Structure formats: C-alpha cells, structure tokens
C-alpha cells in the first residue's frame, strides 16, 4: 500500500499541515507529500490513498483571483507573510478539474481561519465532493486545520495533523 498527500499552499501553513499528515501516515504506509504543481493525474492511478488539501479562500477552494490577492497581501510593505515556494500557479481546484475518472480511496483537508465555518466556509468539503465526482471513495469526513486571523498556524495544529494522519492510516489499513 502507498499514499500520496497533494497540497496547495500560499503562505506555507497548508504545506506544513500536509507534511505533518504525511508523517502520521508514514507510521502505517509509505507516503509521498507533493505540491499540486508536481502532482500529475496519472500519478494517482497506482496509489491506495490520495489525500488532498488546500487553503480556504472565500468559503471554499481558492481560485485565480484569491491566489493573486494572497500574493498581493504578502507583498505589502508591512506584511509578515511569506509566500510558500509552491504558491505560484494553479491550485487544487484546477488540479481536480484536470483529473479523469479515478478509483481508490481518498481524504480531504483544508486550512481555515479559526472562526465558525458559517463565517469561513471549508475548502475540504468542496475537495471531498470533487474527489467523489471523479470516482474516489472518501474514507473519512473532511478535516480542517486552523490558522489565526494573522494567517499563522494555531498552536498544536501540526500535532493535530500528525494524529489525523495516523488515524487515517489506521482506517485505511483496517479495510
């Protein structure tokens, strides 16, 4: 068995969460963590578990204009935000649109501001819906990992992500 974690990240938070999920998964199965820009659709065909995540922008998955806005925000003179090395280009939304029919198991996650989902929305719900549409069996409920209003990870979210990865690996191995 093998897993792959595919992530989109603007400021590095989702990247850090993806790496932590990968660490948790590696306790039970070999796992690669790759940016959405490296993930080719044909790479998903021989994988037993595909985990996909991205930041929540305007109540759901990012799109071109929200990614441009994030780049602009990071470039402001008084900003303490830094773009992730993989921030440029298309995101999870476009990557999911490029997938054809797939089989296998999957899971979805997101990062979002630490507020009610009524206010923030959740990218992971849309990601899970798209994974199902392509033929994946989503094996756990979508998971959110929280960031502050200043767009930094809430303390202990990496631990939370490692634990979720462990639980996900155990659930997949139990099937």
Protein backbone atom coordinates (compact mmCIF):
# COMPACT_ATOMS: atom_id res chain seq x y z
CA UNK A 1 0.00 0.00 0.00
CA UNK A 2 1.08 3.55 -0.70
CA UNK A 3 -0.35 7.02 -0.05
CA UNK A 4 0.20 10.45 -1.53
CA UNK A 5 -0.67 13.81 0.05
CA UNK A 6 -1.30 16.55 -2.52
CA UNK A 7 -1.40 20.11 -1.22
CA UNK A 8 -1.80 23.72 -2.33
CA UNK A 9 -0.26 26.35 -0.06
CA UNK A 10 0.07 30.12 -0.26
CA UNK A 11 1.83 31.08 2.99
CA UNK A 12 3.21 27.68 3.96
CA UNK A 13 0.57 26.70 6.50
CA UNK A 14 -1.13 24.08 4.34
CA UNK A 15 2.30 22.81 3.29
CA UNK A 16 3.27 22.32 6.96
CA UNK A 17 -0.03 20.55 7.65
CA UNK A 18 0.44 18.28 4.60
CA UNK A 19 3.92 17.32 5.82
CA UNK A 20 2.56 16.55 9.30
CA UNK A 21 -0.26 14.43 7.84
CA UNK A 22 2.38 12.61 5.80
CA UNK A 23 4.42 11.99 8.95
CA UNK A 24 1.38 10.43 10.63
CA UNK A 25 0.54 8.31 7.59
CA UNK A 26 4.13 7.06 7.29
CA UNK A 27 3.67 5.22 10.58
CA UNK A 28 1.50 2.71 8.70
CA UNK A 29 2.24 3.08 4.97
CA UNK A 30 4.77 4.64 2.60
CA UNK A 31 3.67 8.20 1.84
CA UNK A 32 4.79 10.93 -0.54
CA UNK A 33 3.89 14.58 0.07
CA UNK A 34 3.82 16.66 -3.12
CA UNK A 35 2.62 20.08 -4.16
CA UNK A 36 -0.32 20.35 -6.50
CA UNK A 37 2.14 21.59 -9.16
CA UNK A 38 4.12 18.33 -9.04
CA UNK A 39 1.07 16.05 -8.89
CA UNK A 40 0.29 14.64 -12.30
CA UNK A 41 -3.11 12.94 -12.63
CA UNK A 42 -1.52 9.69 -13.87
CA UNK A 43 0.49 9.55 -10.62
CA UNK A 44 -2.76 8.90 -8.70
CA UNK A 45 -3.61 5.65 -10.52
CA UNK A 46 -1.26 3.35 -8.57
CA UNK A 47 -1.88 4.92 -5.16
CA UNK A 48 -4.02 3.30 -2.48
CA UNK A 49 -4.88 6.56 -0.70
CA UNK A 50 -4.93 10.09 -2.10
CA UNK A 51 -5.15 12.89 0.48
CA UNK A 52 -5.83 16.35 -0.96
CA UNK A 53 -5.80 19.70 0.82
CA UNK A 54 -5.67 23.41 0.32
CA UNK A 55 -6.39 26.72 1.99
CA UNK A 56 -9.92 28.01 2.40
CA UNK A 57 -10.46 31.20 0.39
CA UNK A 58 -13.85 32.94 0.28
CA UNK A 59 -15.76 29.99 1.75
CA UNK A 60 -14.21 27.28 -0.42
CA UNK A 61 -11.30 26.28 -2.61
CA UNK A 62 -9.01 29.00 -3.89
CA UNK A 63 -9.26 30.31 -7.43
CA UNK A 64 -7.08 32.54 -9.57
CA UNK A 65 -8.22 35.85 -8.15
CA UNK A 66 -7.95 34.77 -4.50
CA UNK A 67 -4.44 33.44 -5.11
CA UNK A 68 -3.49 36.76 -6.76
CA UNK A 69 -4.90 38.58 -3.74
CA UNK A 70 -2.79 36.41 -1.40
CA UNK A 71 0.34 37.26 -3.40
CA UNK A 72 -0.52 40.97 -3.22
CA UNK A 73 -1.11 40.76 0.54
CA UNK A 74 2.28 39.10 1.10
CA UNK A 75 3.99 41.82 -0.95
CA UNK A 76 2.63 44.69 1.17
CA UNK A 77 5.46 46.58 2.94
CA UNK A 78 4.17 45.92 6.47
CA UNK A 79 3.28 42.24 5.86
CA UNK A 80 4.96 39.48 7.84
CA UNK A 81 3.58 36.88 5.41
CA UNK A 82 5.89 34.93 3.13
CA UNK A 83 4.79 33.02 0.07
CA UNK A 84 5.36 29.28 0.04
CA UNK A 85 7.84 28.15 -2.60
CA UNK A 86 4.95 26.35 -4.34
CA UNK A 87 2.47 29.24 -4.21
CA UNK A 88 2.58 30.25 -7.87
CA UNK A 89 0.31 28.73 -10.49
CA UNK A 90 -2.88 26.75 -10.40
CA UNK A 91 -4.36 25.33 -7.24
CA UNK A 92 -6.30 22.30 -6.06
CA UNK A 93 -9.48 23.44 -7.85
CA UNK A 94 -7.78 23.37 -11.25
CA UNK A 95 -5.89 20.18 -10.44
CA UNK A 96 -9.12 18.40 -9.53
CA UNK A 97 -10.70 19.64 -12.76
CA UNK A 98 -7.82 18.01 -14.68
CA UNK A 99 -8.48 14.55 -13.23
CA UNK A 100 -10.36 11.99 -15.25
CA UNK A 101 -12.18 9.01 -13.81
CA UNK A 102 -10.32 7.53 -10.84
CA UNK A 103 -10.69 4.69 -8.38
CA UNK A 104 -9.29 4.23 -4.92
CA UNK A 105 -9.63 5.80 -1.53
CA UNK A 106 -9.23 9.45 -0.66
CA UNK A 107 -9.46 12.06 2.07
CA UNK A 108 -9.71 15.86 2.08
CA UNK A 109 -8.38 18.57 4.38
CA UNK A 110 -8.10 22.31 4.49
CA UNK A 111 -6.64 25.18 6.45
CA UNK A 112 -9.00 27.94 7.51
CA UNK A 113 -9.22 30.83 9.94
CA UNK A 114 -10.13 29.83 13.49
CA UNK A 115 -13.74 31.00 13.34
CA UNK A 116 -17.14 29.41 12.79
CA UNK A 117 -17.46 27.59 9.47
CA UNK A 118 -20.56 29.71 8.87
CA UNK A 119 -18.15 32.63 8.53
CA UNK A 120 -15.15 30.93 6.92
CA UNK A 121 -16.53 28.03 4.92
CA UNK A 122 -14.39 24.94 4.33
CA UNK A 123 -12.39 24.11 1.22
CA UNK A 124 -12.24 20.46 2.33
CA UNK A 125 -15.96 19.93 1.70
CA UNK A 126 -15.58 21.00 -1.93
CA UNK A 127 -12.41 18.95 -2.30
CA UNK A 128 -14.18 15.83 -0.97
CA UNK A 129 -17.12 16.43 -3.32
CA UNK A 130 -14.79 16.68 -6.31
CA UNK A 131 -12.86 13.57 -5.25
CA UNK A 132 -16.14 11.63 -5.13
CA UNK A 133 -17.18 13.04 -8.50
CA UNK A 134 -14.00 11.58 -10.02
CA UNK A 135 -14.71 8.14 -8.54
CA UNK A 136 -12.71 8.12 -5.31
CA UNK A 137 -14.19 6.66 -2.15
CA UNK A 138 -13.76 9.32 0.54
CA UNK A 139 -12.98 7.24 3.63
CA UNK A 140 -13.22 9.88 6.40
CA UNK A 141 -15.00 13.16 6.91
CA UNK A 142 -13.11 16.22 5.64
CA UNK A 143 -10.82 17.76 8.26
CA UNK A 144 -9.92 21.40 8.94
CA UNK A 145 -6.71 22.73 10.46
CA UNK A 146 -6.82 26.22 11.90
CA UNK A 147 -4.86 29.40 11.38
CA UNK A 148 -5.05 32.68 13.28
CA UNK A 149 -6.52 35.87 11.85
CA UNK A 150 -2.90 36.85 11.17
CA UNK A 151 -2.62 33.75 8.95
CA UNK A 152 -0.28 31.69 11.15
CA UNK A 153 -0.96 28.14 12.32
CA UNK A 154 -2.79 27.86 15.62
CA UNK A 155 -0.53 26.16 18.22
CA UNK A 156 -0.71 22.34 18.15
CA UNK A 157 -2.24 22.12 14.66
CA UNK A 158 0.78 20.20 13.36
CA UNK A 159 0.31 17.70 16.19
CA UNK A 160 -3.40 17.54 15.27
CA UNK A 161 -2.41 16.86 11.63
CA UNK A 162 0.04 14.08 12.58
CA UNK A 163 -2.67 12.46 14.71
CA UNK A 164 -5.20 12.74 11.87
CA UNK A 165 -2.66 11.15 9.54
CA UNK A 166 -2.17 8.27 12.00
CA UNK A 167 -5.92 7.76 12.29
CA UNK A 168 -6.33 7.92 8.52
CA UNK A 169 -3.57 5.34 8.00
CA UNK A 170 -5.14 3.03 10.60
CA UNK A 171 -8.57 3.37 8.97
CA UNK A 172 -7.18 2.56 5.52
CA UNK A 173 -5.19 -0.43 6.79
CA UNK A 174 -8.25 -1.78 8.63
CA UNK A 175 -10.28 -2.01 5.41
